[in-house]
Each structure stands twice: as structure tokens, then as C-alpha cells.
Amino acid sequence: MQYRAWTTRPVDRAAAAQLAHRLAQLAVQRQVDRALQADPGAQIAESEKAVALARQAKRLPLLAGVLAARGITDAAEADAILSGGAPLSDPF
């Protein structure tokens, strides 16, 4: 898989913030799915989801900024890259 050029470009801060929020939502949804898979009868409170989302949102702005600088602003594309499915192309 060929990734976009390794050179950076000016970052659209709004797009990076939106990407960080969407990545946080995806991470929380994965956590909820795993919890429900482990215990199908479990009840997960919205407050627990909100706490998990806030925790994830603190971690992701830097990562989202790096991805946005690489021209990746779509959450699905970022998630595919971060999941480690295919090796990265050689930056040299």
C-alpha cells in the first residue's frame, strides 16, 4: 500500500480537531464493543462513555495533527493506517 508523501503540508487545525474527535469516538466504540462481547448482558452508562471519550480526546490531538499534516483527514483512512493492517511505504 502506498501512503501519501511523507512531506508535511500546512495543517488545517479544524480538520485535525475534527479528526481527533472522530478517532476518539472510534476508540470508545471499540472499547464498548469489546466490553459487550465479553459480557453481552452488560449495561454501559452514557457517563462511562463520556469519561472514556474525554480520556481519548486528550491523547489524540497530536496524532491527529501529524495525520492532518500528511493530508489524512478522513477518520476511516486514519483508522486503517493506525490499525497496522499493511506495512508503511519506505519514506526514502
PDB file of N, CA and C in Angstrom:
ATOM      1  N   MET A   1       0.851  -1.173   0.000  1.00  0.00           N
ATOM      2  CA  MET A   1       0.000   0.000   0.000  1.00  0.00           C
ATOM      3  C   MET A   1       0.898   1.238   0.000  1.00  0.00           C
ATOM      4  N   GLN A   2       0.654   2.139  -0.881  1.00  0.00           N
ATOM      5  CA  GLN A   2       1.414   3.381  -0.938  1.00  0.00           C
ATOM      6  C   GLN A   2       0.682   4.465  -0.150  1.00  0.00           C
ATOM      7  N   TYR A   3       1.376   5.082   0.755  1.00  0.00           N
ATOM      8  CA  TYR A   3       0.796   6.156   1.547  1.00  0.00           C
ATOM      9  C   TYR A   3       1.149   7.487   0.919  1.00  0.00           C
ATOM     10  N   ARG A   4       0.449   8.488   1.335  1.00  0.00           N
ATOM     11  CA  ARG A   4       0.727   9.826   0.807  1.00  0.00           C
ATOM     12  C   ARG A   4       2.160  10.219   1.113  1.00  0.00           C
ATOM     13  N   ALA A   5       2.619  11.194   0.424  1.00  0.00           N
ATOM     14  CA  ALA A   5       4.007  11.646   0.574  1.00  0.00           C
ATOM     15  C   ALA A   5       4.329  11.891   2.047  1.00  0.00           C
ATOM     16  N   TRP A   6       5.560  11.612   2.409  1.00  0.00           N
ATOM     17  CA  TRP A   6       5.982  11.786   3.785  1.00  0.00           C
ATOM     18  C   TRP A   6       6.265  13.254   4.091  1.00  0.00           C
ATOM     19  N   THR A   7       6.209  14.095   3.091  1.00  0.00           N
ATOM     20  CA  THR A   7       6.425  15.514   3.333  1.00  0.00           C
ATOM     21  C   THR A   7       5.185  16.111   3.984  1.00  0.00           C
ATOM     22  N   THR A   8       5.429  17.084   4.824  1.00  0.00           N
ATOM     23  CA  THR A   8       4.288  17.694   5.516  1.00  0.00           C
ATOM     24  C   THR A   8       3.795  18.910   4.750  1.00  0.00           C
ATOM     25  N   ARG A   9       2.583  19.303   5.067  1.00  0.00           N
ATOM     26  CA  ARG A   9       1.969  20.494   4.476  1.00  0.00           C
ATOM     27  C   ARG A   9       1.307  21.266   5.604  1.00  0.00           C
ATOM     28  N   PRO A  10       0.898  22.482   5.355  1.00  0.00           N
ATOM     29  CA  PRO A  10       0.244  23.247   6.428  1.00  0.00           C
ATOM     30  C   PRO A  10      -0.970  22.491   6.968  1.00  0.00           C
ATOM     31  N   VAL A  11      -1.126  22.547   8.281  1.00  0.00           N
ATOM     32  CA  VAL A  11      -2.199  21.792   8.937  1.00  0.00           C
ATOM     33  C   VAL A  11      -3.464  22.637   9.036  1.00  0.00           C
ATOM     34  N   ASP A  12      -4.554  22.058   8.624  1.00  0.00           N
ATOM     35  CA  ASP A  12      -5.875  22.650   8.824  1.00  0.00           C
ATOM     36  C   ASP A  12      -6.297  22.256  10.230  1.00  0.00           C
ATOM     37  N   ARG A  13      -6.190  23.182  11.165  1.00  0.00           N
ATOM     38  CA  ARG A  13      -6.445  22.866  12.581  1.00  0.00           C
ATOM     39  C   ARG A  13      -7.873  22.387  12.832  1.00  0.00           C
ATOM     40  N   ALA A  14      -8.817  22.930  12.099  1.00  0.00           N
ATOM     41  CA  ALA A  14     -10.204  22.488  12.266  1.00  0.00           C
ATOM     42  C   ALA A  14     -10.358  21.033  11.829  1.00  0.00           C
ATOM     43  N   ALA A  15      -9.725  20.677  10.719  1.00  0.00           N
ATOM     44  CA  ALA A  15      -9.789  19.293  10.241  1.00  0.00           C
ATOM     45  C   ALA A  15      -9.081  18.363  11.214  1.00  0.00           C
ATOM     46  N   ALA A  16      -7.959  18.804  11.785  1.00  0.00           N
ATOM     47  CA  ALA A  16      -7.232  17.983  12.754  1.00  0.00           C
ATOM     48  C   ALA A  16      -8.066  17.775  14.018  1.00  0.00           C
ATOM     49  N   ALA A  17      -8.734  18.815  14.483  1.00  0.00           N
ATOM     50  CA  ALA A  17      -9.587  18.690  15.671  1.00  0.00           C
ATOM     51  C   ALA A  17     -10.756  17.754  15.407  1.00  0.00           C
ATOM     52  N   GLN A  18     -11.346  17.876  14.240  1.00  0.00           N
ATOM     53  CA  GLN A  18     -12.461  17.006  13.871  1.00  0.00           C
ATOM     54  C   GLN A  18     -11.982  15.552  13.769  1.00  0.00           C
ATOM     55  N   LEU A  19     -10.804  15.356  13.191  1.00  0.00           N
ATOM     56  CA  LEU A  19     -10.244  14.011  13.077  1.00  0.00           C
ATOM     57  C   LEU A  19      -9.965  13.435  14.460  1.00  0.00           C
ATOM     58  N   ALA A  20      -9.396  14.227  15.362  1.00  0.00           N
ATOM     59  CA  ALA A  20      -9.118  13.756  16.722  1.00  0.00           C
ATOM     60  C   ALA A  20     -10.402  13.332  17.419  1.00  0.00           C
ATOM     61  N   HIS A  21     -11.454  14.118  17.255  1.00  0.00           N
ATOM     62  CA  HIS A  21     -12.732  13.786  17.885  1.00  0.00           C
ATOM     63  C   HIS A  21     -13.294  12.487  17.310  1.00  0.00           C
ATOM     64  N   ARG A  22     -13.237  12.340  16.014  1.00  0.00           N
ATOM     65  CA  ARG A  22     -13.775  11.131  15.376  1.00  0.00           C
ATOM     66  C   ARG A  22     -12.955   9.895  15.749  1.00  0.00           C
ATOM     67  N   LEU A  23     -11.624  10.035  15.828  1.00  0.00           N
ATOM     68  CA  LEU A  23     -10.793   8.912  16.251  1.00  0.00           C
ATOM     69  C   LEU A  23     -11.087   8.522  17.695  1.00  0.00           C
ATOM     70  N   ALA A  24     -11.336   9.520  18.545  1.00  0.00           N
ATOM     71  CA  ALA A  24     -11.708   9.243  19.934  1.00  0.00           C
ATOM     72  C   ALA A  24     -13.027   8.478  19.986  1.00  0.00           C
ATOM     73  N   GLN A  25     -13.989   8.892  19.160  1.00  0.00           N
ATOM     74  CA  GLN A  25     -15.271   8.185  19.118  1.00  0.00           C
ATOM     75  C   GLN A  25     -15.084   6.736  18.672  1.00  0.00           C
ATOM     76  N   LEU A  26     -14.254   6.522  17.667  1.00  0.00           N
ATOM     77  CA  LEU A  26     -13.999   5.157  17.191  1.00  0.00           C
ATOM     78  C   LEU A  26     -13.344   4.304  18.277  1.00  0.00           C
ATOM     79  N   ALA A  27     -12.391   4.888  19.007  1.00  0.00           N
ATOM     80  CA  ALA A  27     -11.709   4.156  20.068  1.00  0.00           C
ATOM     81  C   ALA A  27     -12.677   3.772  21.184  1.00  0.00           C
ATOM     82  N   VAL A  28     -13.538   4.703  21.573  1.00  0.00           N
ATOM     83  CA  VAL A  28     -14.518   4.421  22.617  1.00  0.00           C
ATOM     84  C   VAL A  28     -15.505   3.360  22.142  1.00  0.00           C
ATOM     85  N   GLN A  29     -15.931   3.447  20.900  1.00  0.00           N
ATOM     86  CA  GLN A  29     -16.862   2.449  20.380  1.00  0.00           C
ATOM     87  C   GLN A  29     -16.237   1.060  20.385  1.00  0.00           C
ATOM     88  N   ARG A  30     -14.936   0.985  20.058  1.00  0.00           N
ATOM     89  CA  ARG A  30     -14.239  -0.302  20.108  1.00  0.00           C
ATOM     90  C   ARG A  30     -14.218  -0.848  21.539  1.00  0.00           C
ATOM     91  N   GLN A  31     -13.965   0.054  22.516  1.00  0.00           N
ATOM     92  CA  GLN A  31     -13.955  -0.369  23.909  1.00  0.00           C
ATOM     93  C   GLN A  31     -15.323  -0.892  24.332  1.00  0.00           C
ATOM     94  N   VAL A  32     -16.371  -0.198  23.939  1.00  0.00           N
ATOM     95  CA  VAL A  32     -17.738  -0.617  24.265  1.00  0.00           C
ATOM     96  C   VAL A  32     -18.041  -1.963  23.617  1.00  0.00           C
ATOM     97  N   ASP A  33     -17.667  -2.119  22.362  1.00  0.00           N
ATOM     98  CA  ASP A  33     -17.914  -3.376  21.654  1.00  0.00           C
ATOM     99  C   ASP A  33     -17.204  -4.546  22.337  1.00  0.00           C
ATOM    100  N   ARG A  34     -15.944  -4.312  22.755  1.00  0.00           N
ATOM    101  CA  ARG A  34     -15.208  -5.374  23.449  1.00  0.00           C
ATOM    102  C   ARG A  34     -15.859  -5.728  24.776  1.00  0.00           C
ATOM    103  N   ALA A  35     -16.311  -4.706  25.504  1.00  0.00           N
ATOM    104  CA  ALA A  35     -16.967  -4.954  26.792  1.00  0.00           C
ATOM    105  C   ALA A  35     -18.261  -5.735  26.601  1.00  0.00           C
ATOM    106  N   LEU A  36     -19.023  -5.382  25.586  1.00  0.00           N
ATOM    107  CA  LEU A  36     -20.278  -6.082  25.325  1.00  0.00           C
ATOM    108  C   LEU A  36     -20.044  -7.493  24.793  1.00  0.00           C
ATOM    109  N   GLN A  37     -18.955  -7.677  24.093  1.00  0.00           N
ATOM    110  CA  GLN A  37     -18.628  -9.010  23.591  1.00  0.00           C
ATOM    111  C   GLN A  37     -18.224  -9.920  24.757  1.00  0.00           C
ATOM    112  N   ALA A  38     -17.495  -9.360  25.708  1.00  0.00           N
ATOM    113  CA  ALA A  38     -17.074 -10.135  26.874  1.00  0.00           C
ATOM    114  C   ALA A  38     -18.257 -10.462  27.778  1.00  0.00           C
ATOM    115  N   ASP A  39     -19.191  -9.507  27.893  1.00  0.00           N
ATOM    116  CA  ASP A  39     -20.367  -9.700  28.745  1.00  0.00           C
ATOM    117  C   ASP A  39     -21.580  -9.126  28.021  1.00  0.00           C
ATOM    118  N   PRO A  40     -22.263  -9.942  27.201  1.00  0.00           N
ATOM    119  CA  PRO A  40     -23.382  -9.449  26.389  1.00  0.00           C
ATOM    120  C   PRO A  40     -24.500  -8.778  27.190  1.00  0.00           C
ATOM    121  N   GLY A  41     -24.648  -9.104  28.452  1.00  0.00           N
ATOM    122  CA  GLY A  41     -25.708  -8.513  29.258  1.00  0.00           C
ATOM    123  C   GLY A  41     -25.293  -7.232  29.970  1.00  0.00           C
ATOM    124  N   ALA A  42     -24.073  -6.787  29.737  1.00  0.00           N
ATOM    125  CA  ALA A  42     -23.562  -5.610  30.443  1.00  0.00           C
ATOM    126  C   ALA A  42     -24.296  -4.351  30.024  1.00  0.00           C
ATOM    127  N   GLN A  43     -24.442  -3.466  30.957  1.00  0.00           N
ATOM    128  CA  GLN A  43     -25.020  -2.146  30.697  1.00  0.00           C
ATOM    129  C   GLN A  43     -23.898  -1.121  30.821  1.00  0.00           C
ATOM    130  N   ILE A  44     -23.701  -0.338  29.801  1.00  0.00           N
ATOM    131  CA  ILE A  44     -22.647   0.681  29.820  1.00  0.00           C
ATOM    132  C   ILE A  44     -23.320   2.040  29.850  1.00  0.00           C
ATOM    133  N   ALA A  45     -23.086   2.748  30.930  1.00  0.00           N
ATOM    134  CA  ALA A  45     -23.726   4.048  31.128  1.00  0.00           C
ATOM    135  C   ALA A  45     -23.140   5.091  30.183  1.00  0.00           C
ATOM    136  N   GLU A  46     -23.971   6.043  29.812  1.00  0.00           N
ATOM    137  CA  GLU A  46     -23.506   7.138  28.953  1.00  0.00           C
ATOM    138  C   GLU A  46     -22.399   7.932  29.645  1.00  0.00           C
ATOM    139  N   SER A  47     -22.468   8.028  30.979  1.00  0.00           N
ATOM    140  CA  SER A  47     -21.422   8.762  31.706  1.00  0.00           C
ATOM    141  C   SER A  47     -20.075   8.057  31.561  1.00  0.00           C
ATOM    142  N   GLU A  48     -20.089   6.725  31.557  1.00  0.00           N
ATOM    143  CA  GLU A  48     -18.844   5.976  31.358  1.00  0.00           C
ATOM    144  C   GLU A  48     -18.295   6.221  29.951  1.00  0.00           C
ATOM    145  N   LYS A  49     -19.178   6.258  28.967  1.00  0.00           N
ATOM    146  CA  LYS A  49     -18.751   6.543  27.597  1.00  0.00           C
ATOM    147  C   LYS A  49     -18.167   7.948  27.498  1.00  0.00           C
ATOM    148  N   ALA A  50     -18.796   8.904  28.184  1.00  0.00           N
ATOM    149  CA  ALA A  50     -18.324  10.291  28.141  1.00  0.00           C
ATOM    150  C   ALA A  50     -16.937  10.417  28.773  1.00  0.00           C
ATOM    151  N   VAL A  51     -16.724   9.708  29.872  1.00  0.00           N
ATOM    152  CA  VAL A  51     -15.406   9.738  30.531  1.00  0.00           C
ATOM    153  C   VAL A  51     -14.351   9.125  29.611  1.00  0.00           C
ATOM    154  N   ALA A  52     -14.684   7.994  28.994  1.00  0.00           N
ATOM    155  CA  ALA A  52     -13.745   7.348  28.079  1.00  0.00           C
ATOM    156  C   ALA A  52     -13.454   8.235  26.874  1.00  0.00           C
ATOM    157  N   LEU A  53     -14.475   8.910  26.367  1.00  0.00           N
ATOM    158  CA  LEU A  53     -14.292   9.807  25.227  1.00  0.00           C
ATOM    159  C   LEU A  53     -13.379  10.975  25.595  1.00  0.00           C
ATOM    160  N   ALA A  54     -13.586  11.546  26.771  1.00  0.00           N
ATOM    161  CA  ALA A  54     -12.739  12.660  27.218  1.00  0.00           C
ATOM    162  C   ALA A  54     -11.295  12.204  27.385  1.00  0.00           C
ATOM    163  N   ARG A  55     -11.098  11.004  27.913  1.00  0.00           N
ATOM    164  CA  ARG A  55      -9.750  10.469  28.093  1.00  0.00           C
ATOM    165  C   ARG A  55      -9.071  10.275  26.745  1.00  0.00           C
ATOM    166  N   GLN A  56      -9.800   9.713  25.788  1.00  0.00           N
ATOM    167  CA  GLN A  56      -9.239   9.516  24.445  1.00  0.00           C
ATOM    168  C   GLN A  56      -8.970  10.851  23.763  1.00  0.00           C
ATOM    169  N   ALA A  57      -9.860  11.807  23.931  1.00  0.00           N
ATOM    170  CA  ALA A  57      -9.719  13.103  23.259  1.00  0.00           C
ATOM    171  C   ALA A  57      -8.470  13.844  23.719  1.00  0.00           C
ATOM    172  N   LYS A  58      -8.010  13.600  24.935  1.00  0.00           N
ATOM    173  CA  LYS A  58      -6.784  14.244  25.424  1.00  0.00           C
ATOM    174  C   LYS A  58      -5.549  13.676  24.743  1.00  0.00           C
ATOM    175  N   ARG A  59      -5.616  12.420  24.337  1.00  0.00           N
ATOM    176  CA  ARG A  59      -4.454  11.750  23.759  1.00  0.00           C
ATOM    177  C   ARG A  59      -4.288  11.979  22.265  1.00  0.00           C
ATOM    178  N   LEU A  60      -5.347  12.309  21.580  1.00  0.00           N
ATOM    179  CA  LEU A  60      -5.326  12.254  20.124  1.00  0.00           C
ATOM    180  C   LEU A  60      -5.005  13.537  19.357  1.00  0.00           C
ATOM    181  N   PRO A  61      -5.016  14.717  19.937  1.00  0.00           N
ATOM    182  CA  PRO A  61      -4.739  15.903  19.109  1.00  0.00           C
ATOM    183  C   PRO A  61      -3.376  15.885  18.414  1.00  0.00           C
ATOM    184  N   LEU A  62      -2.342  15.435  19.088  1.00  0.00           N
ATOM    185  CA  LEU A  62      -1.018  15.389  18.454  1.00  0.00           C
ATOM    186  C   LEU A  62      -1.020  14.413  17.286  1.00  0.00           C
ATOM    187  N   LEU A  63      -1.569  13.236  17.508  1.00  0.00           N
ATOM    188  CA  LEU A  63      -1.649  12.238  16.437  1.00  0.00           C
ATOM    189  C   LEU A  63      -2.480  12.756  15.271  1.00  0.00           C
ATOM    190  N   ALA A  64      -3.602  13.369  15.564  1.00  0.00           N
ATOM    191  CA  ALA A  64      -4.455  13.915  14.503  1.00  0.00           C
ATOM    192  C   ALA A  64      -3.728  15.022  13.745  1.00  0.00           C
ATOM    193  N   GLY A  65      -2.950  15.823  14.438  1.00  0.00           N
ATOM    194  CA  GLY A  65      -2.179  16.874  13.785  1.00  0.00           C
ATOM    195  C   GLY A  65      -1.144  16.308  12.825  1.00  0.00           C
ATOM    196  N   VAL A  66      -0.478  15.236  13.246  1.00  0.00           N
ATOM    197  CA  VAL A  66       0.516  14.591  12.377  1.00  0.00           C
ATOM    198  C   VAL A  66      -0.169  14.010  11.144  1.00  0.00           C
ATOM    199  N   LEU A  67      -1.292  13.331  11.360  1.00  0.00           N
ATOM    200  CA  LEU A  67      -2.013  12.760  10.216  1.00  0.00           C
ATOM    201  C   LEU A  67      -2.509  13.860   9.279  1.00  0.00           C
ATOM    202  N   ALA A  68      -3.047  14.936   9.835  1.00  0.00           N
ATOM    203  CA  ALA A  68      -3.537  16.039   9.007  1.00  0.00           C
ATOM    204  C   ALA A  68      -2.398  16.677   8.226  1.00  0.00           C
ATOM    205  N   ALA A  69      -1.216  16.757   8.838  1.00  0.00           N
ATOM    206  CA  ALA A  69      -0.055  17.313   8.141  1.00  0.00           C
ATOM    207  C   ALA A  69       0.360  16.425   6.975  1.00  0.00           C
ATOM    208  N   ARG A  70       0.005  15.163   7.051  1.00  0.00           N
ATOM    209  CA  ARG A  70       0.284  14.221   5.963  1.00  0.00           C
ATOM    210  C   ARG A  70      -0.857  14.193   4.960  1.00  0.00           C
ATOM    211  N   GLY A  71      -1.897  14.997   5.205  1.00  0.00           N
ATOM    212  CA  GLY A  71      -3.010  15.073   4.272  1.00  0.00           C
ATOM    213  C   GLY A  71      -4.114  14.068   4.545  1.00  0.00           C
ATOM    214  N   ILE A  72      -4.072  13.439   5.706  1.00  0.00           N
ATOM    215  CA  ILE A  72      -5.081  12.433   6.060  1.00  0.00           C
ATOM    216  C   ILE A  72      -6.056  13.069   7.036  1.00  0.00           C
ATOM    217  N   THR A  73      -7.253  13.360   6.566  1.00  0.00           N
ATOM    218  CA  THR A  73      -8.256  13.981   7.428  1.00  0.00           C
ATOM    219  C   THR A  73      -9.531  13.149   7.531  1.00  0.00           C
ATOM    220  N   ASP A  74      -9.577  12.029   6.845  1.00  0.00           N
ATOM    221  CA  ASP A  74     -10.731  11.145   6.915  1.00  0.00           C
ATOM    222  C   ASP A  74     -10.502  10.122   8.025  1.00  0.00           C
ATOM    223  N   ALA A  75     -11.463  10.006   8.945  1.00  0.00           N
ATOM    224  CA  ALA A  75     -11.304   9.115  10.099  1.00  0.00           C
ATOM    225  C   ALA A  75     -11.160   7.657   9.681  1.00  0.00           C
ATOM    226  N   ALA A  76     -11.873   7.233   8.658  1.00  0.00           N
ATOM    227  CA  ALA A  76     -11.781   5.840   8.213  1.00  0.00           C
ATOM    228  C   ALA A  76     -10.387   5.544   7.659  1.00  0.00           C
ATOM    229  N   GLU A  77      -9.836   6.477   6.908  1.00  0.00           N
ATOM    230  CA  GLU A  77      -8.492   6.293   6.359  1.00  0.00           C
ATOM    231  C   GLU A  77      -7.451   6.289   7.477  1.00  0.00           C
ATOM    232  N   ALA A  78      -7.605   7.205   8.425  1.00  0.00           N
ATOM    233  CA  ALA A  78      -6.682   7.259   9.560  1.00  0.00           C
ATOM    234  C   ALA A  78      -6.760   5.978  10.376  1.00  0.00           C
ATOM    235  N   ASP A  79      -7.968   5.486  10.595  1.00  0.00           N
ATOM    236  CA  ASP A  79      -8.154   4.251  11.357  1.00  0.00           C
ATOM    237  C   ASP A  79      -7.501   3.075  10.637  1.00  0.00           C
ATOM    238  N   ALA A  80      -7.602   3.036   9.322  1.00  0.00           N
ATOM    239  CA  ALA A  80      -6.978   1.961   8.546  1.00  0.00           C
ATOM    240  C   ALA A  80      -5.455   2.004   8.683  1.00  0.00           C
ATOM    241  N   ILE A  81      -4.901   3.183   8.663  1.00  0.00           N
ATOM    242  CA  ILE A  81      -3.448   3.327   8.809  1.00  0.00           C
ATOM    243  C   ILE A  81      -3.012   2.943  10.213  1.00  0.00           C
ATOM    244  N   LEU A  82      -3.758   3.398  11.211  1.00  0.00           N
ATOM    245  CA  LEU A  82      -3.384   3.157  12.597  1.00  0.00           C
ATOM    246  C   LEU A  82      -3.610   1.716  13.037  1.00  0.00           C
ATOM    247  N   SER A  83      -4.460   1.008  12.337  1.00  0.00           N
ATOM    248  CA  SER A  83      -4.729  -0.385  12.715  1.00  0.00           C
ATOM    249  C   SER A  83      -3.560  -1.297  12.390  1.00  0.00           C
ATOM    250  N   GLY A  84      -2.652  -0.829  11.546  1.00  0.00           N
ATOM    251  CA  GLY A  84      -1.448  -1.601  11.241  1.00  0.00           C
ATOM    252  C   GLY A  84      -1.676  -2.768  10.297  1.00  0.00           C
ATOM    253  N   GLY A  85      -2.697  -2.661   9.462  1.00  0.00           N
ATOM    254  CA  GLY A  85      -3.002  -3.746   8.538  1.00  0.00           C
ATOM    255  C   GLY A  85      -1.932  -3.983   7.496  1.00  0.00           C
ATOM    256  N   ALA A  86      -1.402  -2.933   6.924  1.00  0.00           N
ATOM    257  CA  ALA A  86      -0.391  -3.063   5.877  1.00  0.00           C
ATOM    258  C   ALA A  86       0.845  -2.280   6.291  1.00  0.00           C
ATOM    259  N   PRO A  87       2.029  -2.736   5.879  1.00  0.00           N
ATOM    260  CA  PRO A  87       3.248  -2.009   6.248  1.00  0.00           C
ATOM    261  C   PRO A  87       3.299  -0.643   5.558  1.00  0.00           C
ATOM    262  N   LEU A  88       3.916   0.309   6.228  1.00  0.00           N
ATOM    263  CA  LEU A  88       4.077   1.642   5.658  1.00  0.00           C
ATOM    264  C   LEU A  88       5.083   1.597   4.520  1.00  0.00           C
ATOM    265  N   SER A  89       4.912   2.488   3.570  1.00  0.00           N
ATOM    266  CA  SER A  89       5.881   2.569   2.486  1.00  0.00           C
ATOM    267  C   SER A  89       7.180   3.200   3.015  1.00  0.00           C
ATOM    268  N   ASP A  90       8.250   2.912   2.335  1.00  0.00           N
ATOM    269  CA  ASP A  90       9.563   3.434   2.741  1.00  0.00           C
ATOM    270  C   ASP A  90       9.588   4.945   2.514  1.00  0.00           C
ATOM    271  N   PRO A  91       9.883   5.742   3.547  1.00  0.00           N
ATOM    272  CA  PRO A  91       9.891   7.194   3.377  1.00  0.00           C
ATOM    273  C   PRO A  91      11.063   7.691   2.529  1.00  0.00           C
ATOM    274  N   PHE A  92      12.025   6.823   2.250  1.00  0.00           N
ATOM    275  CA  PHE A  92      13.172   7.235   1.457  1.00  0.00           C
ATOM    276  C   PHE A  92      12.956   6.842   0.022  1.00  0.00           C
TER     277      PHE A  92
END
